[in-house]
PDB file of N, CA and C in Angstrom:
ATOM      1  N   MET A   1     -82.877 -61.820-100.633  1.00  0.00           N
ATOM      2  CA  MET A   1     -84.013 -61.119-100.129  1.00  0.00           C
ATOM      3  C   MET A   1     -85.240 -61.654-100.512  1.00  0.00           C
ATOM      4  N   ILE A   2     -86.387 -61.488 -99.683  1.00  0.00           N
ATOM      5  CA  ILE A   2     -87.684 -61.982 -99.988  1.00  0.00           C
ATOM      6  C   ILE A   2     -88.618 -60.888-100.017  1.00  0.00           C
ATOM      7  N   ILE A   3     -89.305 -60.629-101.162  1.00  0.00           N
ATOM      8  CA  ILE A   3     -90.220 -59.567-101.274  1.00  0.00           C
ATOM      9  C   ILE A   3     -91.747 -60.096-101.350  1.00  0.00           C
ATOM     10  N   ARG A   4     -92.719 -59.377-100.827  1.00  0.00           N
ATOM     11  CA  ARG A   4     -94.027 -59.658-100.936  1.00  0.00           C
ATOM     12  C   ARG A   4     -94.527 -58.872-102.232  1.00  0.00           C
ATOM     13  N   VAL A   5     -95.266 -59.710-102.997  1.00  0.00           N
ATOM     14  CA  VAL A   5     -95.662 -59.227-104.433  1.00  0.00           C
ATOM     15  C   VAL A   5     -97.173 -59.447-104.701  1.00  0.00           C
ATOM     16  N   LYS A   6     -97.889 -58.289-105.240  1.00  0.00           N
ATOM     17  CA  LYS A   6     -99.300 -58.511-105.526  1.00  0.00           C
ATOM     18  C   LYS A   6     -99.225 -58.449-107.198  1.00  0.00           C
ATOM     19  N   VAL A   7     -99.654 -59.656-107.903  1.00  0.00           N
ATOM     20  CA  VAL A   7     -99.634 -59.839-109.113  1.00  0.00           C
ATOM     21  C   VAL A   7    -101.009 -59.572-109.810  1.00  0.00           C
ATOM     22  N   THR A   8    -101.001 -58.825-110.948  1.00  0.00           N
ATOM     23  CA  THR A   8    -102.276 -58.795-111.802  1.00  0.00           C
ATOM     24  C   THR A   8    -101.932 -59.415-113.099  1.00  0.00           C
ATOM     25  N   PRO A   9    -102.506 -60.557-113.470  1.00  0.00           N
ATOM     26  CA  PRO A   9    -102.326 -61.302-114.615  1.00  0.00           C
ATOM     27  C   PRO A   9    -103.265 -60.832-115.704  1.00  0.00           C
ATOM     28  N   LYS A  10    -102.916 -61.150-116.957  1.00  0.00           N
ATOM     29  CA  LYS A  10    -103.711 -60.772-118.144  1.00  0.00           C
ATOM     30  C   LYS A  10    -103.738 -59.284-118.373  1.00  0.00           C
ATOM     31  N   ALA A  11    -102.619 -58.702-118.106  1.00  0.00           N
ATOM     32  CA  ALA A  11    -102.483 -57.087-118.138  1.00  0.00           C
ATOM     33  C   ALA A  11    -102.130 -56.886-119.607  1.00  0.00           C
ATOM     34  N   ALA A  12    -102.179 -55.583-120.037  1.00  0.00           N
ATOM     35  CA  ALA A  12    -101.857 -55.091-121.312  1.00  0.00           C
ATOM     36  C   ALA A  12    -100.218 -55.310-121.458  1.00  0.00           C
ATOM     37  N   LYS A  13     -99.512 -55.069-120.468  1.00  0.00           N
ATOM     38  CA  LYS A  13     -98.032 -55.164-120.640  1.00  0.00           C
ATOM     39  C   LYS A  13     -97.412 -55.657-119.299  1.00  0.00           C
ATOM     40  N   ASP A  14     -96.260 -56.203-119.499  1.00  0.00           N
ATOM     41  CA  ASP A  14     -95.480 -56.534-118.137  1.00  0.00           C
ATOM     42  C   ASP A  14     -94.877 -55.273-117.582  1.00  0.00           C
ATOM     43  N   GLU A  15     -95.024 -55.085-116.322  1.00  0.00           N
ATOM     44  CA  GLU A  15     -94.395 -53.950-115.731  1.00  0.00           C
ATOM     45  C   GLU A  15     -94.460 -54.020-114.203  1.00  0.00           C
ATOM     46  N   VAL A  16     -93.321 -53.544-113.490  1.00  0.00           N
ATOM     47  CA  VAL A  16     -93.249 -53.344-112.142  1.00  0.00           C
ATOM     48  C   VAL A  16     -93.678 -52.011-111.870  1.00  0.00           C
ATOM     49  N   LEU A  17     -94.817 -51.935-111.065  1.00  0.00           N
ATOM     50  CA  LEU A  17     -95.413 -50.663-110.749  1.00  0.00           C
ATOM     51  C   LEU A  17     -94.900 -49.910-109.433  1.00  0.00           C
ATOM     52  N   GLY A  18     -94.174 -50.736-108.785  1.00  0.00           N
ATOM     53  CA  GLY A  18     -93.400 -50.098-107.599  1.00  0.00           C
ATOM     54  C   GLY A  18     -93.936 -50.813-106.269  1.00  0.00           C
ATOM     55  N   GLN A  19     -93.530 -50.182-105.203  1.00  0.00           N
ATOM     56  CA  GLN A  19     -94.038 -50.529-103.971  1.00  0.00           C
ATOM     57  C   GLN A  19     -95.303 -49.917-103.432  1.00  0.00           C
ATOM     58  N   MET A  20     -96.153 -50.561-102.696  1.00  0.00           N
ATOM     59  CA  MET A  20     -97.202 -49.852-101.941  1.00  0.00           C
ATOM     60  C   MET A  20     -96.808 -49.425-100.683  1.00  0.00           C
ATOM     61  N   GLU A  21     -97.585 -48.677 -99.907  1.00  0.00           N
ATOM     62  CA  GLU A  21     -97.329 -48.129 -98.595  1.00  0.00           C
ATOM     63  C   GLU A  21     -96.842 -49.333 -97.569  1.00  0.00           C
ATOM     64  N   ASP A  22     -97.417 -50.458 -97.715  1.00  0.00           N
ATOM     65  CA  ASP A  22     -97.130 -51.535 -96.753  1.00  0.00           C
ATOM     66  C   ASP A  22     -95.817 -52.276 -97.231  1.00  0.00           C
ATOM     67  N   GLY A  23     -95.170 -51.874 -98.330  1.00  0.00           N
ATOM     68  CA  GLY A  23     -93.918 -52.583 -98.676  1.00  0.00           C
ATOM     69  C   GLY A  23     -94.076 -53.539 -99.766  1.00  0.00           C
ATOM     70  N   THR A  24     -95.521 -54.018-100.048  1.00  0.00           N
ATOM     71  CA  THR A  24     -95.718 -54.920-101.047  1.00  0.00           C
ATOM     72  C   THR A  24     -95.420 -54.378-102.504  1.00  0.00           C
ATOM     73  N   TRP A  25     -94.715 -55.109-103.293  1.00  0.00           N
ATOM     74  CA  TRP A  25     -94.571 -54.746-104.606  1.00  0.00           C
ATOM     75  C   TRP A  25     -95.679 -55.019-105.566  1.00  0.00           C
ATOM     76  N   LYS A  26     -96.012 -54.146-106.535  1.00  0.00           N
ATOM     77  CA  LYS A  26     -97.201 -54.327-107.335  1.00  0.00           C
ATOM     78  C   LYS A  26     -96.614 -54.524-108.851  1.00  0.00           C
ATOM     79  N   VAL A  27     -97.130 -55.673-109.326  1.00  0.00           N
ATOM     80  CA  VAL A  27     -96.651 -55.916-110.826  1.00  0.00           C
ATOM     81  C   VAL A  27     -97.839 -56.486-111.640  1.00  0.00           C
ATOM     82  N   LYS A  28     -97.685 -56.115-113.044  1.00  0.00           N
ATOM     83  CA  LYS A  28     -98.695 -56.698-113.868  1.00  0.00           C
ATOM     84  C   LYS A  28     -97.945 -57.531-114.930  1.00  0.00           C
ATOM     85  N   VAL A  29     -98.521 -58.583-115.362  1.00  0.00           N
ATOM     86  CA  VAL A  29     -98.023 -59.438-116.366  1.00  0.00           C
ATOM     87  C   VAL A  29     -99.052 -59.851-117.407  1.00  0.00           C
ATOM     88  N   THR A  30     -98.570 -60.074-118.680  1.00  0.00           N
ATOM     89  CA  THR A  30     -99.477 -60.331-119.663  1.00  0.00           C
ATOM     90  C   THR A  30     -99.942 -61.726-119.639  1.00  0.00           C
ATOM     91  N   ALA A  31     -99.179 -62.660-119.006  1.00  0.00           N
ATOM     92  CA  ALA A  31     -99.539 -64.065-118.981  1.00  0.00           C
ATOM     93  C   ALA A  31    -100.786 -64.382-118.276  1.00  0.00           C
ATOM     94  N   VAL A  32    -101.329 -65.441-118.598  1.00  0.00           N
ATOM     95  CA  VAL A  32    -102.654 -65.980-117.932  1.00  0.00           C
ATOM     96  C   VAL A  32    -102.070 -66.754-116.706  1.00  0.00           C
ATOM     97  N   PRO A  33    -102.963 -66.864-115.635  1.00  0.00           N
ATOM     98  CA  PRO A  33    -102.756 -67.672-114.368  1.00  0.00           C
ATOM     99  C   PRO A  33    -102.957 -69.238-114.612  1.00  0.00           C
ATOM    100  N   GLU A  34    -102.384 -69.704-115.654  1.00  0.00           N
ATOM    101  CA  GLU A  34    -102.683 -71.085-115.952  1.00  0.00           C
ATOM    102  C   GLU A  34    -101.304 -71.885-116.068  1.00  0.00           C
ATOM    103  N   LYS A  35    -101.188 -73.033-115.434  1.00  0.00           N
ATOM    104  CA  LYS A  35     -99.943 -73.886-115.589  1.00  0.00           C
ATOM    105  C   LYS A  35     -98.716 -73.065-115.230  1.00  0.00           C
ATOM    106  N   GLY A  36     -98.764 -72.202-114.212  1.00  0.00           N
ATOM    107  CA  GLY A  36     -97.526 -71.466-113.844  1.00  0.00           C
ATOM    108  C   GLY A  36     -97.016 -70.357-114.889  1.00  0.00           C
ATOM    109  N   LYS A  37     -97.799 -70.140-115.943  1.00  0.00           N
ATOM    110  CA  LYS A  37     -97.300 -68.973-116.853  1.00  0.00           C
ATOM    111  C   LYS A  37     -97.161 -67.665-116.272  1.00  0.00           C
ATOM    112  N   ALA A  38     -98.045 -67.272-115.365  1.00  0.00           N
ATOM    113  CA  ALA A  38     -98.015 -66.041-114.704  1.00  0.00           C
ATOM    114  C   ALA A  38     -96.869 -65.969-113.659  1.00  0.00           C
ATOM    115  N   ASN A  39     -96.650 -66.987-112.997  1.00  0.00           N
ATOM    116  CA  ASN A  39     -95.443 -67.112-112.075  1.00  0.00           C
ATOM    117  C   ASN A  39     -94.125 -67.121-112.803  1.00  0.00           C
ATOM    118  N   GLU A  40     -94.175 -67.675-113.971  1.00  0.00           N
ATOM    119  CA  GLU A  40     -92.781 -67.680-114.750  1.00  0.00           C
ATOM    120  C   GLU A  40     -92.699 -66.121-115.220  1.00  0.00           C
ATOM    121  N   ALA A  41     -93.734 -65.548-115.609  1.00  0.00           N
ATOM    122  CA  ALA A  41     -93.477 -64.172-116.067  1.00  0.00           C
ATOM    123  C   ALA A  41     -93.011 -63.196-114.945  1.00  0.00           C
ATOM    124  N   VAL A  42     -93.600 -63.550-113.653  1.00  0.00           N
ATOM    125  CA  VAL A  42     -93.271 -62.656-112.631  1.00  0.00           C
ATOM    126  C   VAL A  42     -91.675 -62.870-112.234  1.00  0.00           C
ATOM    127  N   CYS A  43     -91.266 -64.090-112.384  1.00  0.00           N
ATOM    128  CA  CYS A  43     -89.816 -64.243-112.099  1.00  0.00           C
ATOM    129  C   CYS A  43     -88.991 -63.655-113.292  1.00  0.00           C
ATOM    130  N   GLU A  44     -89.396 -63.735-114.498  1.00  0.00           N
ATOM    131  CA  GLU A  44     -88.562 -63.205-115.549  1.00  0.00           C
ATOM    132  C   GLU A  44     -88.654 -61.525-115.481  1.00  0.00           C
ATOM    133  N   LEU A  45     -89.763 -60.974-114.972  1.00  0.00           N
ATOM    134  CA  LEU A  45     -89.775 -59.628-114.746  1.00  0.00           C
ATOM    135  C   LEU A  45     -88.919 -59.151-113.758  1.00  0.00           C
ATOM    136  N   PHE A  46     -88.942 -59.865-112.573  1.00  0.00           N
ATOM    137  CA  PHE A  46     -88.045 -59.425-111.458  1.00  0.00           C
ATOM    138  C   PHE A  46     -86.579 -59.563-111.800  1.00  0.00           C
ATOM    139  N   ALA A  47     -86.204 -60.629-112.620  1.00  0.00           N
ATOM    140  CA  ALA A  47     -84.920 -60.877-112.973  1.00  0.00           C
ATOM    141  C   ALA A  47     -84.296 -59.731-113.764  1.00  0.00           C
ATOM    142  N   ALA A  48     -85.171 -59.324-114.650  1.00  0.00           N
ATOM    143  CA  ALA A  48     -84.818 -58.158-115.442  1.00  0.00           C
ATOM    144  C   ALA A  48     -84.824 -56.870-114.677  1.00  0.00           C
ATOM    145  N   TYR A  49     -85.756 -56.722-113.744  1.00  0.00           N
ATOM    146  CA  TYR A  49     -85.708 -55.455-112.932  1.00  0.00           C
ATOM    147  C   TYR A  49     -84.542 -55.342-111.989  1.00  0.00           C
ATOM    148  N   PHE A  50     -84.204 -56.490-111.429  1.00  0.00           N
ATOM    149  CA  PHE A  50     -83.063 -56.384-110.501  1.00  0.00           C
ATOM    150  C   PHE A  50     -81.785 -56.741-111.197  1.00  0.00           C
ATOM    151  N   LYS A  51     -81.704 -57.074-112.498  1.00  0.00           N
ATOM    152  CA  LYS A  51     -80.542 -57.426-113.172  1.00  0.00           C
ATOM    153  C   LYS A  51     -79.832 -58.598-112.690  1.00  0.00           C
ATOM    154  N   VAL A  52     -80.538 -59.633-112.442  1.00  0.00           N
ATOM    155  CA  VAL A  52     -79.973 -60.903-112.004  1.00  0.00           C
ATOM    156  C   VAL A  52     -80.499 -61.962-113.008  1.00  0.00           C
ATOM    157  N   PRO A  53     -79.801 -63.073-113.148  1.00  0.00           N
ATOM    158  CA  PRO A  53     -80.191 -64.219-113.935  1.00  0.00           C
ATOM    159  C   PRO A  53     -81.542 -64.732-113.401  1.00  0.00           C
ATOM    160  N   ILE A  54     -82.317 -65.271-114.367  1.00  0.00           N
ATOM    161  CA  ILE A  54     -83.587 -65.918-113.964  1.00  0.00           C
ATOM    162  C   ILE A  54     -83.471 -67.049-112.846  1.00  0.00           C
ATOM    163  N   THR A  55     -82.347 -67.708-112.882  1.00  0.00           N
ATOM    164  CA  THR A  55     -82.117 -68.850-111.912  1.00  0.00           C
ATOM    165  C   THR A  55     -81.990 -68.323-110.527  1.00  0.00           C
ATOM    166  N   ARG A  56     -81.819 -66.995-110.430  1.00  0.00           N
ATOM    167  CA  ARG A  56     -81.578 -66.373-109.070  1.00  0.00           C
ATOM    168  C   ARG A  56     -83.003 -65.858-108.454  1.00  0.00           C
ATOM    169  N   VAL A  57     -84.016 -66.000-109.167  1.00  0.00           N
ATOM    170  CA  VAL A  57     -85.378 -65.567-108.783  1.00  0.00           C
ATOM    171  C   VAL A  57     -86.284 -66.759-108.605  1.00  0.00           C
ATOM    172  N   SER A  58     -87.047 -66.902-107.513  1.00  0.00           N
ATOM    173  CA  SER A  58     -88.057 -68.075-107.298  1.00  0.00           C
ATOM    174  C   SER A  58     -89.186 -67.542-106.490  1.00  0.00           C
ATOM    175  N   ILE A  59     -90.221 -68.183-106.630  1.00  0.00           N
ATOM    176  CA  ILE A  59     -91.529 -67.902-105.878  1.00  0.00           C
ATOM    177  C   ILE A  59     -91.508 -68.927-104.647  1.00  0.00           C
ATOM    178  N   VAL A  60     -91.395 -68.400-103.442  1.00  0.00           N
ATOM    179  CA  VAL A  60     -91.315 -69.405-102.295  1.00  0.00           C
ATOM    180  C   VAL A  60     -92.753 -69.626-101.677  1.00  0.00           C
ATOM    181  N   SER A  61     -93.737 -68.599-101.960  1.00  0.00           N
ATOM    182  CA  SER A  61     -95.043 -68.987-101.448  1.00  0.00           C
ATOM    183  C   SER A  61     -96.078 -68.347-102.267  1.00  0.00           C
ATOM    184  N   GLY A  62     -97.390 -68.775-102.310  1.00  0.00           N
ATOM    185  CA  GLY A  62     -98.307 -68.142-103.145  1.00  0.00           C
ATOM    186  C   GLY A  62     -98.433 -68.491-104.492  1.00  0.00           C
ATOM    187  N   GLN A  63     -97.882 -69.684-104.897  1.00  0.00           N
ATOM    188  CA  GLN A  63     -98.013 -70.155-106.304  1.00  0.00           C
ATOM    189  C   GLN A  63     -99.447 -69.968-106.910  1.00  0.00           C
ATOM    190  N   THR A  64    -100.607 -70.202-106.233  1.00  0.00           N
ATOM    191  CA  THR A  64    -101.995 -70.037-106.774  1.00  0.00           C
ATOM    192  C   THR A  64    -102.538 -68.826-106.301  1.00  0.00           C
ATOM    193  N   SER A  65    -101.880 -67.921-105.640  1.00  0.00           N
ATOM    194  CA  SER A  65    -102.503 -66.693-105.024  1.00  0.00           C
ATOM    195  C   SER A  65    -102.080 -65.463-105.866  1.00  0.00           C
ATOM    196  N   PRO A  66    -102.744 -64.307-106.012  1.00  0.00           N
ATOM    197  CA  PRO A  66    -102.178 -63.061-106.551  1.00  0.00           C
ATOM    198  C   PRO A  66    -101.210 -62.512-105.511  1.00  0.00           C
ATOM    199  N   PHE A  67    -101.106 -62.852-104.305  1.00  0.00           N
ATOM    200  CA  PHE A  67    -100.130 -62.453-103.338  1.00  0.00           C
ATOM    201  C   PHE A  67     -99.126 -63.441-103.205  1.00  0.00           C
ATOM    202  N   LYS A  68     -97.841 -63.102-103.452  1.00  0.00           N
ATOM    203  CA  LYS A  68     -96.718 -64.084-103.566  1.00  0.00           C
ATOM    204  C   LYS A  68     -95.449 -63.599-102.718  1.00  0.00           C
ATOM    205  N   HIS A  69     -94.696 -64.383-102.238  1.00  0.00           N
ATOM    206  CA  HIS A  69     -93.410 -64.166-101.773  1.00  0.00           C
ATOM    207  C   HIS A  69     -92.335 -64.578-102.742  1.00  0.00           C
ATOM    208  N   VAL A  70     -91.505 -63.581-103.216  1.00  0.00           N
ATOM    209  CA  VAL A  70     -90.625 -63.852-104.252  1.00  0.00           C
ATOM    210  C   VAL A  70     -89.077 -63.735-103.717  1.00  0.00           C
ATOM    211  N   ARG A  71     -88.194 -64.795-103.855  1.00  0.00           N
ATOM    212  CA  ARG A  71     -86.960 -64.645-103.299  1.00  0.00           C
ATOM    213  C   ARG A  71     -86.075 -64.222-104.565  1.00  0.00           C
ATOM    214  N   ILE A  72     -85.139 -63.315-104.247  1.00  0.00           N
ATOM    215  CA  ILE A  72     -84.147 -62.813-105.116  1.00  0.00           C
ATOM    216  C   ILE A  72     -82.897 -62.832-104.704  1.00  0.00           C
ATOM    217  N   HIS A  73     -82.000 -63.740-105.141  1.00  0.00           N
ATOM    218  CA  HIS A  73     -80.590 -63.832-104.679  1.00  0.00           C
ATOM    219  C   HIS A  73     -79.801 -62.972-105.559  1.00  0.00           C
ATOM    220  N   LYS A  74     -79.188 -62.041-104.838  1.00  0.00           N
ATOM    221  CA  LYS A  74     -78.234 -60.988-105.578  1.00  0.00           C
ATOM    222  C   LYS A  74     -76.900 -61.373-105.619  1.00  0.00           C
TER     223      LYS A  74
END
């Protein structure tokens, strides 16, 4: 499955806030948006949330944007 995600970096804690009305998932990560650190944190967060190995989660678009498309292989 591919989900649309709105990421807020440099947050107080890592958390999945849920889906907005348009179906976009909203998440916060403590990582900074430098050198892919926030992207890595997003993948780790969704791997834990969906209970899949991190190797099954990848960002398919939006690497430098707060809006991303994340693929999760269940």
